[in-house]
């Protein structure tokens, strides 16, 4: 690996180290992210993953997974943005922003009009992400528990 803070596409050889980074922040079950989302984290699809290397290791990652949205008879190509992670020791250097811009440029080049990102709206809204679709809100008050049987 070279020391660079410029985003690049991951290679299959990068996968073990890249997955170790992701699993530090997102692995909530046995087998980590690759077991949870094998379609997204497949070493044979390394072109869906962009990374930043620094000090000889992968320190930041963002994936872009092609999707097709279907609305009635129409389809819209979309890339799902995921696995947004930066090693805590390297945060504040703009790597997430660089990686998102890396993917936005590729989306423009490929004519992909839309991307989807599930995550903290405050963190990503300055990139143009907004809530879309159904949003459910529930208000729970003391009255919600009225009539609840005693154990």
N, C-alpha and C. Protein backbone atom coordinates (compact mmCIF):
# COMPACT_ATOMS: atom_id res chain seq x y z
N UNK A 1 0.83 -1.19 0.00
CA UNK A 1 0.00 0.00 0.00
C UNK A 1 0.87 1.24 0.00
N UNK A 2 0.38 2.27 -0.60
CA UNK A 2 1.11 3.53 -0.62
C UNK A 2 0.49 4.47 0.40
N UNK A 3 1.25 5.42 0.86
CA UNK A 3 0.72 6.44 1.76
C UNK A 3 0.08 7.52 0.91
N UNK A 4 -1.22 7.59 0.99
CA UNK A 4 -1.95 8.59 0.22
C UNK A 4 -3.19 8.97 0.99
N UNK A 5 -3.62 10.18 0.82
CA UNK A 5 -4.91 10.54 1.42
C UNK A 5 -5.92 10.85 0.31
N UNK A 6 -5.64 10.32 -0.89
CA UNK A 6 -6.57 10.48 -2.01
C UNK A 6 -7.41 9.23 -2.14
N UNK A 7 -8.73 9.37 -2.34
CA UNK A 7 -9.57 8.19 -2.50
C UNK A 7 -9.19 7.39 -3.74
N UNK A 8 -9.37 6.09 -3.63
CA UNK A 8 -9.18 5.19 -4.76
C UNK A 8 -10.12 4.01 -4.56
N UNK A 9 -10.37 3.28 -5.65
CA UNK A 9 -11.15 2.06 -5.55
C UNK A 9 -10.35 1.00 -4.80
N UNK A 10 -11.04 0.21 -4.01
CA UNK A 10 -10.41 -0.89 -3.30
C UNK A 10 -10.10 -2.01 -4.28
N UNK A 11 -9.20 -2.87 -3.89
CA UNK A 11 -8.90 -4.09 -4.65
C UNK A 11 -9.28 -5.28 -3.76
N UNK A 12 -9.32 -6.46 -4.35
CA UNK A 12 -9.61 -7.66 -3.57
C UNK A 12 -8.58 -7.84 -2.46
N UNK A 13 -7.32 -7.45 -2.73
CA UNK A 13 -6.28 -7.56 -1.70
C UNK A 13 -6.53 -6.63 -0.52
N UNK A 14 -7.28 -5.55 -0.73
CA UNK A 14 -7.59 -4.61 0.35
C UNK A 14 -8.68 -5.12 1.29
N UNK A 15 -9.43 -6.12 0.84
CA UNK A 15 -10.64 -6.51 1.57
C UNK A 15 -10.40 -6.90 3.03
N UNK A 16 -9.42 -7.72 3.38
CA UNK A 16 -9.27 -8.07 4.80
C UNK A 16 -9.09 -6.83 5.69
N UNK A 17 -8.24 -5.93 5.28
CA UNK A 17 -8.00 -4.73 6.08
C UNK A 17 -9.22 -3.80 6.07
N UNK A 18 -9.86 -3.68 4.92
CA UNK A 18 -11.05 -2.82 4.81
C UNK A 18 -12.16 -3.36 5.70
N UNK A 19 -12.37 -4.68 5.67
CA UNK A 19 -13.42 -5.28 6.49
C UNK A 19 -13.10 -5.16 7.97
N UNK A 20 -11.84 -5.22 8.33
CA UNK A 20 -11.46 -5.03 9.74
C UNK A 20 -11.85 -3.63 10.20
N UNK A 21 -11.64 -2.63 9.36
CA UNK A 21 -12.06 -1.26 9.70
C UNK A 21 -13.57 -1.20 9.88
N UNK A 22 -14.31 -1.74 8.92
CA UNK A 22 -15.77 -1.70 9.00
C UNK A 22 -16.29 -2.47 10.20
N UNK A 23 -15.71 -3.62 10.46
CA UNK A 23 -16.19 -4.43 11.58
C UNK A 23 -15.92 -3.78 12.93
N UNK A 24 -14.89 -2.94 13.01
CA UNK A 24 -14.65 -2.21 14.28
C UNK A 24 -15.82 -1.30 14.62
N UNK A 25 -16.48 -0.76 13.61
CA UNK A 25 -17.54 0.22 13.85
C UNK A 25 -18.94 -0.29 13.60
N UNK A 26 -19.09 -1.35 12.80
CA UNK A 26 -20.43 -1.79 12.42
C UNK A 26 -20.75 -3.25 12.69
N UNK A 27 -19.83 -4.06 13.14
CA UNK A 27 -20.10 -5.49 13.29
C UNK A 27 -20.92 -5.72 14.56
N UNK A 28 -22.18 -6.04 14.35
CA UNK A 28 -23.07 -6.26 15.48
C UNK A 28 -23.41 -7.73 15.65
N UNK A 29 -22.91 -8.59 14.79
CA UNK A 29 -23.21 -10.01 14.90
C UNK A 29 -22.01 -10.83 14.43
N UNK A 30 -22.06 -12.11 14.70
CA UNK A 30 -20.98 -13.02 14.33
C UNK A 30 -20.74 -12.95 12.83
N UNK A 31 -19.50 -12.88 12.44
CA UNK A 31 -19.15 -12.84 11.02
C UNK A 31 -19.04 -11.44 10.46
N UNK A 32 -19.44 -10.43 11.25
CA UNK A 32 -19.28 -9.04 10.85
C UNK A 32 -20.13 -8.63 9.66
N UNK A 33 -19.72 -7.55 9.05
CA UNK A 33 -20.47 -6.94 7.95
C UNK A 33 -20.58 -7.87 6.74
N UNK A 34 -19.54 -8.63 6.46
CA UNK A 34 -19.58 -9.52 5.29
C UNK A 34 -20.66 -10.59 5.47
N UNK A 35 -20.85 -11.07 6.69
CA UNK A 35 -21.90 -12.06 6.94
C UNK A 35 -23.27 -11.42 6.94
N UNK A 36 -23.33 -10.18 7.42
CA UNK A 36 -24.61 -9.49 7.51
C UNK A 36 -25.12 -9.05 6.14
N UNK A 37 -24.21 -8.56 5.30
CA UNK A 37 -24.57 -8.03 3.98
C UNK A 37 -23.63 -8.58 2.91
N UNK A 38 -23.70 -9.87 2.63
CA UNK A 38 -22.73 -10.46 1.70
C UNK A 38 -22.79 -9.87 0.29
N UNK A 39 -23.96 -9.43 -0.15
CA UNK A 39 -24.06 -8.83 -1.48
C UNK A 39 -23.25 -7.53 -1.56
N UNK A 40 -23.22 -6.80 -0.47
CA UNK A 40 -22.49 -5.52 -0.45
C UNK A 40 -20.99 -5.68 -0.24
N UNK A 41 -20.61 -6.66 0.56
CA UNK A 41 -19.20 -6.81 0.95
C UNK A 41 -18.62 -8.09 0.38
N UNK A 42 -18.53 -8.12 -0.94
CA UNK A 42 -18.04 -9.26 -1.70
C UNK A 42 -16.70 -8.87 -2.32
N UNK A 43 -15.62 -9.58 -1.99
CA UNK A 43 -14.31 -9.23 -2.55
C UNK A 43 -14.27 -9.23 -4.08
N UNK A 44 -15.18 -9.97 -4.70
CA UNK A 44 -15.23 -9.97 -6.16
C UNK A 44 -15.87 -8.71 -6.71
N UNK A 45 -16.39 -7.88 -5.84
CA UNK A 45 -17.02 -6.62 -6.24
C UNK A 45 -16.28 -5.43 -5.59
N UNK A 46 -14.96 -5.49 -5.61
CA UNK A 46 -14.18 -4.45 -4.96
C UNK A 46 -14.39 -3.07 -5.59
N UNK A 47 -14.87 -3.04 -6.85
CA UNK A 47 -15.11 -1.76 -7.51
C UNK A 47 -16.28 -1.00 -6.90
N UNK A 48 -16.95 -1.56 -5.94
CA UNK A 48 -18.03 -0.87 -5.23
C UNK A 48 -17.55 -0.20 -3.95
N UNK A 49 -16.26 -0.25 -3.71
CA UNK A 49 -15.70 0.25 -2.46
C UNK A 49 -14.57 1.23 -2.74
N UNK A 50 -14.64 2.38 -2.10
CA UNK A 50 -13.56 3.37 -2.22
C UNK A 50 -12.94 3.54 -0.83
N UNK A 51 -11.65 3.73 -0.82
CA UNK A 51 -10.90 3.83 0.43
C UNK A 51 -9.92 4.99 0.39
N UNK A 52 -9.48 5.36 1.58
CA UNK A 52 -8.37 6.29 1.74
C UNK A 52 -7.34 5.56 2.59
N UNK A 53 -6.09 5.59 2.15
CA UNK A 53 -4.99 5.01 2.89
C UNK A 53 -4.16 6.13 3.51
N UNK A 54 -3.68 5.85 4.69
CA UNK A 54 -2.80 6.80 5.36
C UNK A 54 -1.89 6.01 6.28
N UNK A 55 -0.65 6.36 6.34
CA UNK A 55 0.31 5.69 7.23
C UNK A 55 0.33 4.18 7.01
N UNK A 56 0.18 3.75 5.75
CA UNK A 56 0.28 2.34 5.42
C UNK A 56 -0.94 1.50 5.74
N UNK A 57 -2.06 2.14 6.05
CA UNK A 57 -3.27 1.35 6.32
C UNK A 57 -4.51 2.06 5.82
N UNK A 58 -5.57 1.29 5.64
CA UNK A 58 -6.85 1.84 5.21
C UNK A 58 -7.50 2.52 6.41
N UNK A 59 -7.80 3.82 6.24
CA UNK A 59 -8.34 4.59 7.37
C UNK A 59 -9.74 5.10 7.14
N UNK A 60 -10.24 4.99 5.89
CA UNK A 60 -11.59 5.48 5.61
C UNK A 60 -12.18 4.69 4.44
N UNK A 61 -13.50 4.52 4.46
CA UNK A 61 -14.19 3.70 3.46
C UNK A 61 -15.59 4.24 3.22
N UNK A 62 -16.02 4.19 1.97
CA UNK A 62 -17.42 4.42 1.58
C UNK A 62 -17.70 3.49 0.40
N UNK A 63 -18.83 2.78 0.48
CA UNK A 63 -19.25 1.89 -0.61
C UNK A 63 -20.38 2.56 -1.39
N UNK A 64 -20.51 2.18 -2.66
CA UNK A 64 -21.62 2.60 -3.51
C UNK A 64 -22.14 1.34 -4.22
N UNK A 65 -23.34 0.93 -3.84
CA UNK A 65 -23.91 -0.32 -4.34
C UNK A 65 -25.02 0.01 -5.34
N UNK A 66 -24.89 -0.42 -6.60
CA UNK A 66 -25.93 -0.15 -7.60
C UNK A 66 -27.27 -0.78 -7.20
N UNK A 67 -28.33 -0.03 -7.42
CA UNK A 67 -29.69 -0.48 -7.13
C UNK A 67 -30.59 0.01 -8.25
N UNK A 68 -31.72 -0.64 -8.41
CA UNK A 68 -32.74 -0.16 -9.33
C UNK A 68 -34.02 0.04 -8.54
N UNK A 69 -34.52 1.25 -8.53
CA UNK A 69 -35.79 1.55 -7.86
C UNK A 69 -36.90 1.39 -8.88
N UNK A 70 -37.99 0.79 -8.47
CA UNK A 70 -39.13 0.56 -9.36
C UNK A 70 -40.33 1.32 -8.80
N UNK A 71 -40.89 2.19 -9.65
CA UNK A 71 -42.09 2.95 -9.30
C UNK A 71 -43.09 2.69 -10.41
N UNK A 72 -44.10 1.86 -10.11
CA UNK A 72 -45.05 1.48 -11.15
C UNK A 72 -44.32 0.75 -12.25
N UNK A 73 -44.43 1.28 -13.47
CA UNK A 73 -43.77 0.68 -14.62
C UNK A 73 -42.39 1.27 -14.88
N UNK A 74 -42.04 2.31 -14.14
CA UNK A 74 -40.78 3.02 -14.37
C UNK A 74 -39.68 2.51 -13.44
N UNK A 75 -38.44 2.62 -13.90
CA UNK A 75 -37.29 2.29 -13.07
C UNK A 75 -36.34 3.48 -13.02
N UNK A 76 -35.64 3.60 -11.93
CA UNK A 76 -34.65 4.65 -11.75
C UNK A 76 -33.39 4.01 -11.17
N UNK A 77 -32.26 4.26 -11.81
CA UNK A 77 -31.01 3.75 -11.29
C UNK A 77 -30.60 4.58 -10.08
N UNK A 78 -30.06 3.91 -9.10
CA UNK A 78 -29.69 4.55 -7.83
C UNK A 78 -28.48 3.81 -7.28
N UNK A 79 -27.61 4.51 -6.60
CA UNK A 79 -26.51 3.86 -5.91
C UNK A 79 -26.74 4.04 -4.42
N UNK A 80 -26.69 2.94 -3.69
CA UNK A 80 -26.83 3.00 -2.23
C UNK A 80 -25.48 3.24 -1.60
N UNK A 81 -25.39 4.29 -0.84
CA UNK A 81 -24.14 4.65 -0.16
C UNK A 81 -24.15 3.98 1.21
N UNK A 82 -23.07 3.29 1.55
CA UNK A 82 -23.04 2.59 2.82
C UNK A 82 -21.63 2.36 3.31
N UNK A 83 -21.55 1.80 4.50
CA UNK A 83 -20.25 1.49 5.08
C UNK A 83 -19.38 2.72 5.24
N UNK A 84 -20.00 3.84 5.61
CA UNK A 84 -19.26 5.10 5.77
C UNK A 84 -18.52 5.03 7.11
N UNK A 85 -17.21 4.86 7.04
CA UNK A 85 -16.43 4.70 8.27
C UNK A 85 -15.05 5.31 8.11
N UNK A 86 -14.62 5.98 9.16
CA UNK A 86 -13.25 6.50 9.23
C UNK A 86 -12.69 6.14 10.61
N UNK A 87 -11.50 5.60 10.62
CA UNK A 87 -10.81 5.29 11.87
C UNK A 87 -10.81 6.53 12.76
N UNK A 88 -11.14 6.35 14.01
CA UNK A 88 -11.24 7.48 14.95
C UNK A 88 -9.98 8.36 14.96
N UNK A 89 -8.82 7.74 14.81
CA UNK A 89 -7.57 8.50 14.87
C UNK A 89 -7.36 9.41 13.65
N UNK A 90 -8.19 9.22 12.61
CA UNK A 90 -8.01 9.98 11.37
C UNK A 90 -9.21 10.85 11.05
N UNK A 91 -10.14 10.95 11.95
CA UNK A 91 -11.32 11.78 11.71
C UNK A 91 -10.93 13.25 11.75
N UNK A 92 -11.73 14.06 11.05
CA UNK A 92 -11.46 15.49 11.01
C UNK A 92 -10.55 15.90 9.88
N UNK A 93 -10.16 14.97 9.02
CA UNK A 93 -9.29 15.26 7.88
C UNK A 93 -10.04 15.38 6.56
N UNK A 94 -11.37 15.25 6.60
CA UNK A 94 -12.16 15.40 5.39
C UNK A 94 -12.25 14.15 4.53
N UNK A 95 -11.84 13.00 5.06
CA UNK A 95 -11.84 11.79 4.24
C UNK A 95 -13.25 11.36 3.82
N UNK A 96 -14.22 11.44 4.72
CA UNK A 96 -15.58 11.08 4.36
C UNK A 96 -16.06 11.97 3.21
N UNK A 97 -15.83 13.26 3.32
CA UNK A 97 -16.25 14.18 2.25
C UNK A 97 -15.56 13.84 0.94
N UNK A 98 -14.27 13.55 0.99
CA UNK A 98 -13.54 13.19 -0.23
C UNK A 98 -14.11 11.92 -0.86
N UNK A 99 -14.43 10.93 -0.03
CA UNK A 99 -14.96 9.68 -0.55
C UNK A 99 -16.36 9.87 -1.13
N UNK A 100 -17.20 10.65 -0.47
CA UNK A 100 -18.53 10.91 -1.03
C UNK A 100 -18.42 11.65 -2.36
N UNK A 101 -17.56 12.65 -2.44
CA UNK A 101 -17.36 13.37 -3.70
C UNK A 101 -16.80 12.43 -4.78
N UNK A 102 -15.92 11.52 -4.40
CA UNK A 102 -15.39 10.51 -5.30
C UNK A 102 -16.55 9.75 -5.95
N UNK A 103 -17.53 9.31 -5.13
CA UNK A 103 -18.67 8.57 -5.67
C UNK A 103 -19.62 9.47 -6.44
N UNK A 104 -19.85 10.69 -5.99
CA UNK A 104 -20.73 11.59 -6.72
C UNK A 104 -20.20 11.84 -8.12
N UNK A 105 -18.88 12.01 -8.26
CA UNK A 105 -18.28 12.19 -9.59
C UNK A 105 -18.54 10.97 -10.48
N UNK A 106 -18.39 9.80 -9.93
CA UNK A 106 -18.63 8.59 -10.71
C UNK A 106 -20.10 8.42 -11.07
N UNK A 107 -20.98 8.82 -10.15
CA UNK A 107 -22.41 8.78 -10.47
C UNK A 107 -22.72 9.71 -11.63
N UNK A 108 -22.16 10.91 -11.60
CA UNK A 108 -22.36 11.84 -12.72
C UNK A 108 -21.86 11.23 -14.03
N UNK A 109 -20.66 10.66 -13.99
CA UNK A 109 -20.08 10.05 -15.19
C UNK A 109 -20.94 8.91 -15.73
N UNK A 110 -21.58 8.16 -14.82
CA UNK A 110 -22.40 7.01 -15.22
C UNK A 110 -23.85 7.39 -15.49
N UNK A 111 -24.20 8.65 -15.27
CA UNK A 111 -25.57 9.09 -15.50
C UNK A 111 -26.56 8.59 -14.46
N UNK A 112 -26.07 8.31 -13.27
CA UNK A 112 -26.94 7.84 -12.18
C UNK A 112 -27.50 9.06 -11.48
N UNK A 113 -28.83 9.23 -11.49
CA UNK A 113 -29.42 10.47 -11.00
C UNK A 113 -29.68 10.55 -9.50
N UNK A 114 -29.52 9.43 -8.78
CA UNK A 114 -29.98 9.39 -7.40
C UNK A 114 -29.09 8.47 -6.57
N UNK A 115 -28.88 8.85 -5.32
CA UNK A 115 -28.23 7.94 -4.38
C UNK A 115 -29.04 7.92 -3.09
N UNK A 116 -28.90 6.82 -2.38
CA UNK A 116 -29.64 6.60 -1.15
C UNK A 116 -28.63 6.36 -0.04
N UNK A 117 -28.87 6.96 1.10
CA UNK A 117 -27.98 6.78 2.23
C UNK A 117 -28.82 6.72 3.49
N UNK A 118 -28.68 5.64 4.22
CA UNK A 118 -29.35 5.54 5.52
C UNK A 118 -28.33 5.99 6.56
N UNK A 119 -28.69 6.96 7.32
CA UNK A 119 -27.74 7.43 8.32
C UNK A 119 -28.23 8.70 8.98
N UNK A 120 -27.37 9.29 9.75
CA UNK A 120 -27.66 10.48 10.51
C UNK A 120 -27.87 11.67 9.58
N UNK A 121 -29.10 12.18 9.53
CA UNK A 121 -29.43 13.27 8.60
C UNK A 121 -28.56 14.50 8.83
N UNK A 122 -28.30 14.84 10.09
CA UNK A 122 -27.48 16.02 10.37
C UNK A 122 -26.06 15.87 9.82
N UNK A 123 -25.56 14.65 9.79
CA UNK A 123 -24.20 14.43 9.31
C UNK A 123 -24.11 14.55 7.79
N UNK A 124 -25.19 14.18 7.08
CA UNK A 124 -25.11 14.08 5.63
C UNK A 124 -25.95 15.10 4.87
N UNK A 125 -26.77 15.89 5.54
CA UNK A 125 -27.66 16.78 4.79
C UNK A 125 -26.91 17.85 4.01
N UNK A 126 -25.73 18.25 4.42
CA UNK A 126 -25.00 19.26 3.64
C UNK A 126 -24.49 18.71 2.32
N UNK A 127 -24.59 17.38 2.12
CA UNK A 127 -24.27 16.78 0.82
C UNK A 127 -25.51 16.71 -0.07
N UNK A 128 -26.65 17.15 0.44
CA UNK A 128 -27.88 17.15 -0.34
C UNK A 128 -28.84 16.02 0.02
N UNK A 129 -28.49 15.19 0.99
CA UNK A 129 -29.39 14.11 1.39
C UNK A 129 -30.54 14.66 2.20
N UNK A 130 -31.72 14.17 1.91
CA UNK A 130 -32.93 14.56 2.63
C UNK A 130 -33.77 13.32 2.88
N UNK A 131 -34.64 13.41 3.87
CA UNK A 131 -35.57 12.32 4.11
C UNK A 131 -36.49 12.18 2.91
N UNK A 132 -36.76 10.95 2.54
CA UNK A 132 -37.69 10.67 1.44
C UNK A 132 -38.50 9.45 1.81
N UNK A 133 -39.68 9.34 1.24
CA UNK A 133 -40.51 8.19 1.52
C UNK A 133 -41.27 8.35 2.82
N UNK A 134 -41.69 7.26 3.36
CA UNK A 134 -42.50 7.27 4.58
C UNK A 134 -41.63 7.53 5.80
N UNK A 135 -42.15 8.34 6.67
CA UNK A 135 -41.49 8.59 7.94
C UNK A 135 -42.54 8.40 9.02
N UNK A 136 -42.25 7.50 9.93
CA UNK A 136 -43.19 7.21 11.01
C UNK A 136 -42.68 7.81 12.30
N UNK A 137 -43.57 8.42 13.05
CA UNK A 137 -43.22 8.97 14.36
C UNK A 137 -44.23 8.48 15.37
N UNK A 138 -43.74 8.09 16.51
CA UNK A 138 -44.59 7.61 17.57
C UNK A 138 -44.34 8.46 18.81
N UNK A 139 -45.41 8.84 19.47
CA UNK A 139 -45.30 9.56 20.72
C UNK A 139 -45.77 8.62 21.82
N UNK A 140 -44.92 8.37 22.78
CA UNK A 140 -45.26 7.50 23.89
C UNK A 140 -45.36 8.37 25.14
N UNK A 141 -46.50 8.27 25.80
CA UNK A 141 -46.73 9.03 27.01
C UNK A 141 -47.26 8.09 28.09
N UNK A 142 -47.50 8.62 29.29
CA UNK A 142 -48.06 7.80 30.36
C UNK A 142 -49.37 7.17 29.93
N UNK A 143 -50.17 7.89 29.16
CA UNK A 143 -51.44 7.37 28.69
C UNK A 143 -51.29 6.12 27.82
N UNK A 144 -50.11 6.03 27.12
CA UNK A 144 -49.85 4.86 26.28
C UNK A 144 -49.87 3.57 27.09
N UNK A 145 -49.58 3.69 28.39
CA UNK A 145 -49.49 2.51 29.24
C UNK A 145 -50.76 2.29 30.09
N UNK A 146 -51.75 3.17 29.91
CA UNK A 146 -52.99 3.01 30.66
C UNK A 146 -53.63 1.68 30.30
N UNK A 147 -54.05 0.95 31.30
CA UNK A 147 -54.69 -0.33 31.04
C UNK A 147 -53.73 -1.48 30.83
N UNK A 148 -52.41 -1.23 30.98
CA UNK A 148 -51.43 -2.30 30.83
C UNK A 148 -51.57 -3.25 32.01
N UNK A 149 -51.73 -4.54 31.74
CA UNK A 149 -51.87 -5.50 32.83
C UNK A 149 -50.66 -5.52 33.74
N UNK A 150 -50.88 -5.72 35.00
CA UNK A 150 -49.78 -5.86 35.98
C UNK A 150 -49.14 -7.22 35.78
N UNK A 151 -47.82 -7.32 35.98
CA UNK A 151 -47.15 -8.63 35.82
C UNK A 151 -47.52 -9.59 36.93
